[in-house]
Amino acid sequence: MSLSTEEKGLIAEALQLYIQVASQQVPPQHAQQIATIAKGIIRKLDTLGAAKGPGGNKPNGITDEWFKNVCETCDKLTAAGCSDKVTEKYPGKCDPILKYEREKSLTAKKE
């Protein structure tokens, strides 16, 4: 599924309007939660239609090497990107990638 630039812009604008209306009707803490979720949605719009692997789209902040050697076989990869909460906040800091990097450095030390 691929969205045009105009479609992505319309969705982003609609979310901004929703945040403005919600901030007038809900407590500030809840409005902040809504804003955080909306920002996540807007960020995911940029990855819609990105390069696809067998399991889904390459997440933001993930190198091609990590995607090829780790993400493509990970069960947390979806069409929208990585569903792992750690990777969403800190790309490259999930357990499978950390394990891959550790094994890679151990292999390099042996050589």
C-alpha atoms as a PDB file:
ATOM      1  CA  MET A   1       0.000   0.000   0.000  1.00  0.00           C
ATOM      2  CA  SER A   2       1.347   3.369  -0.981  1.00  0.00           C
ATOM      3  CA  LEU A   3      -0.020   6.827  -0.231  1.00  0.00           C
ATOM      4  CA  SER A   4       0.625   9.897  -2.326  1.00  0.00           C
ATOM      5  CA  THR A   5       2.293  12.955  -0.820  1.00  0.00           C
ATOM      6  CA  GLU A   6      -1.060  14.755  -0.875  1.00  0.00           C
ATOM      7  CA  GLU A   7      -2.760  11.878   0.981  1.00  0.00           C
ATOM      8  CA  LYS A   8      -0.032  11.809   3.626  1.00  0.00           C
ATOM      9  CA  GLY A   9      -0.298  15.576   4.022  1.00  0.00           C
ATOM     10  CA  LEU A  10      -4.064  15.389   4.419  1.00  0.00           C
ATOM     11  CA  ILE A  11      -3.766  12.732   7.117  1.00  0.00           C
ATOM     12  CA  ALA A  12      -1.107  14.737   8.965  1.00  0.00           C
ATOM     13  CA  GLU A  13      -3.243  17.881   8.772  1.00  0.00           C
ATOM     14  CA  ALA A  14      -6.326  16.014  10.006  1.00  0.00           C
ATOM     15  CA  LEU A  15      -4.367  14.643  12.956  1.00  0.00           C
ATOM     16  CA  GLN A  16      -3.127  18.136  13.832  1.00  0.00           C
ATOM     17  CA  LEU A  17      -6.704  19.446  13.808  1.00  0.00           C
ATOM     18  CA  TYR A  18      -7.811  16.497  15.940  1.00  0.00           C
ATOM     19  CA  ILE A  19      -5.068  17.266  18.475  1.00  0.00           C
ATOM     20  CA  GLN A  20      -6.177  20.916  18.641  1.00  0.00           C
ATOM     21  CA  VAL A  21      -9.816  19.991  19.249  1.00  0.00           C
ATOM     22  CA  ALA A  22      -8.937  17.244  21.732  1.00  0.00           C
ATOM     23  CA  SER A  23      -6.640  19.545  23.708  1.00  0.00           C
ATOM     24  CA  GLN A  24      -9.628  21.824  24.372  1.00  0.00           C
ATOM     25  CA  GLN A  25     -11.856  18.974  25.555  1.00  0.00           C
ATOM     26  CA  VAL A  26      -9.666  16.575  27.541  1.00  0.00           C
ATOM     27  CA  PRO A  27      -7.239  16.978  30.457  1.00  0.00           C
ATOM     28  CA  PRO A  28      -3.705  18.112  29.455  1.00  0.00           C
ATOM     29  CA  GLN A  29      -2.129  14.736  30.284  1.00  0.00           C
ATOM     30  CA  HIS A  30      -4.571  12.901  28.010  1.00  0.00           C
ATOM     31  CA  ALA A  31      -4.057  15.492  25.259  1.00  0.00           C
ATOM     32  CA  GLN A  32      -0.297  14.877  25.479  1.00  0.00           C
ATOM     33  CA  GLN A  33      -0.861  11.124  25.068  1.00  0.00           C
ATOM     34  CA  ILE A  34      -3.014  11.765  22.001  1.00  0.00           C
ATOM     35  CA  ALA A  35      -0.336  14.055  20.560  1.00  0.00           C
ATOM     36  CA  THR A  36       2.355  11.409  21.102  1.00  0.00           C
ATOM     37  CA  ILE A  37       0.269   8.762  19.343  1.00  0.00           C
ATOM     38  CA  ALA A  38      -0.502  11.138  16.469  1.00  0.00           C
ATOM     39  CA  LYS A  39       3.203  11.943  16.032  1.00  0.00           C
ATOM     40  CA  GLY A  40       3.884   8.200  15.817  1.00  0.00           C
ATOM     41  CA  ILE A  41       1.246   7.844  13.127  1.00  0.00           C
ATOM     42  CA  ILE A  42       2.713  10.741  11.153  1.00  0.00           C
ATOM     43  CA  ARG A  43       6.183   9.182  11.437  1.00  0.00           C
ATOM     44  CA  LYS A  44       4.820   5.856  10.165  1.00  0.00           C
ATOM     45  CA  LEU A  45       3.267   7.582   7.160  1.00  0.00           C
ATOM     46  CA  ASP A  46       6.793   8.278   5.924  1.00  0.00           C
ATOM     47  CA  THR A  47       7.615   4.556   5.940  1.00  0.00           C
ATOM     48  CA  LEU A  48       4.455   3.513   4.092  1.00  0.00           C
ATOM     49  CA  GLY A  49       5.566   2.045   0.802  1.00  0.00           C
ATOM     50  CA  ALA A  50       9.239   1.900   1.804  1.00  0.00           C
ATOM     51  CA  ALA A  51      11.496  -0.959   0.709  1.00  0.00           C
ATOM     52  CA  LYS A  52       9.824  -4.207   1.648  1.00  0.00           C
ATOM     53  CA  GLY A  53      11.430  -7.331   2.942  1.00  0.00           C
ATOM     54  CA  PRO A  54       9.680 -10.666   3.294  1.00  0.00           C
ATOM     55  CA  GLY A  55       8.155  -9.628   6.625  1.00  0.00           C
ATOM     56  CA  GLY A  56       7.464  -5.955   6.039  1.00  0.00           C
ATOM     57  CA  ASN A  57       8.919  -2.491   5.667  1.00  0.00           C
ATOM     58  CA  LYS A  58      12.330  -1.404   6.883  1.00  0.00           C
ATOM     59  CA  PRO A  59      11.869   0.533  10.139  1.00  0.00           C
ATOM     60  CA  ASN A  60      13.270   4.061  10.542  1.00  0.00           C
ATOM     61  CA  GLY A  61      16.782   4.195  11.956  1.00  0.00           C
ATOM     62  CA  ILE A  62      17.643   0.614  11.000  1.00  0.00           C
ATOM     63  CA  THR A  63      20.674   0.071   8.779  1.00  0.00           C
ATOM     64  CA  ASP A  64      20.465  -2.036   5.641  1.00  0.00           C
ATOM     65  CA  GLU A  65      22.811  -4.551   7.283  1.00  0.00           C
ATOM     66  CA  TRP A  66      20.573  -4.951  10.349  1.00  0.00           C
ATOM     67  CA  PHE A  67      17.464  -5.175   8.179  1.00  0.00           C
ATOM     68  CA  LYS A  68      18.981  -7.832   5.924  1.00  0.00           C
ATOM     69  CA  ASN A  69      20.577  -9.941   8.680  1.00  0.00           C
ATOM     70  CA  VAL A  70      18.107  -9.501  11.538  1.00  0.00           C
ATOM     71  CA  CYS A  71      14.830  -7.741  10.759  1.00  0.00           C
ATOM     72  CA  GLU A  72      13.778  -9.752   7.713  1.00  0.00           C
ATOM     73  CA  THR A  73      13.551 -12.893   9.845  1.00  0.00           C
ATOM     74  CA  CYS A  74      12.163 -11.234  12.996  1.00  0.00           C
ATOM     75  CA  ASP A  75       8.557 -12.030  13.918  1.00  0.00           C
ATOM     76  CA  LYS A  76       8.014  -8.444  15.143  1.00  0.00           C
ATOM     77  CA  LEU A  77       8.412  -6.963  11.648  1.00  0.00           C
ATOM     78  CA  THR A  78       5.072  -5.882  10.191  1.00  0.00           C
ATOM     79  CA  ALA A  79       4.035  -4.143   7.004  1.00  0.00           C
ATOM     80  CA  ALA A  80       4.123  -0.834   8.912  1.00  0.00           C
ATOM     81  CA  GLY A  81       7.613  -1.459  10.323  1.00  0.00           C
ATOM     82  CA  CYS A  82       8.818  -2.896  13.597  1.00  0.00           C
ATOM     83  CA  SER A  83       6.199  -3.544  16.269  1.00  0.00           C
ATOM     84  CA  ASP A  84       8.817  -3.791  19.043  1.00  0.00           C
ATOM     85  CA  LYS A  85       8.404  -0.837  21.436  1.00  0.00           C
ATOM     86  CA  VAL A  86      12.147  -0.648  22.174  1.00  0.00           C
ATOM     87  CA  THR A  87      13.055  -0.398  18.487  1.00  0.00           C
ATOM     88  CA  GLU A  88      10.358   2.232  17.966  1.00  0.00           C
ATOM     89  CA  LYS A  89      11.973   4.498  20.586  1.00  0.00           C
ATOM     90  CA  TYR A  90      15.603   3.393  20.153  1.00  0.00           C
ATOM     91  CA  PRO A  91      16.303   1.966  16.678  1.00  0.00           C
ATOM     92  CA  GLY A  92      18.933  -0.772  16.808  1.00  0.00           C
ATOM     93  CA  LYS A  93      18.615  -1.407  20.539  1.00  0.00           C
ATOM     94  CA  CYS A  94      16.301  -4.424  20.414  1.00  0.00           C
ATOM     95  CA  ASP A  95      17.566  -7.805  21.625  1.00  0.00           C
ATOM     96  CA  PRO A  96      17.916  -9.450  18.178  1.00  0.00           C
ATOM     97  CA  ILE A  97      20.064  -6.596  16.821  1.00  0.00           C
ATOM     98  CA  LEU A  98      22.159  -6.375  19.987  1.00  0.00           C
ATOM     99  CA  LYS A  99      22.731 -10.143  19.824  1.00  0.00           C
ATOM    100  CA  TYR A 100      23.706  -9.874  16.137  1.00  0.00           C
ATOM    101  CA  GLU A 101      26.204  -7.084  16.889  1.00  0.00           C
ATOM    102  CA  ARG A 102      27.677  -9.037  19.822  1.00  0.00           C
ATOM    103  CA  GLU A 103      28.162 -12.163  17.676  1.00  0.00           C
ATOM    104  CA  LYS A 104      29.642 -10.046  14.882  1.00  0.00           C
ATOM    105  CA  SER A 105      32.199  -8.470  17.241  1.00  0.00           C
ATOM    106  CA  LEU A 106      33.106 -11.858  18.734  1.00  0.00           C
ATOM    107  CA  THR A 107      33.656 -13.253  15.246  1.00  0.00           C
ATOM    108  CA  ALA A 108      35.842 -10.253  14.343  1.00  0.00           C
ATOM    109  CA  LYS A 109      37.966 -10.747  17.476  1.00  0.00           C
ATOM    110  CA  LYS A 110      38.600 -14.413  16.630  1.00  0.00           C
ATOM    111  CA  GLU A 111      39.918 -13.475  13.184  1.00  0.00           C
END
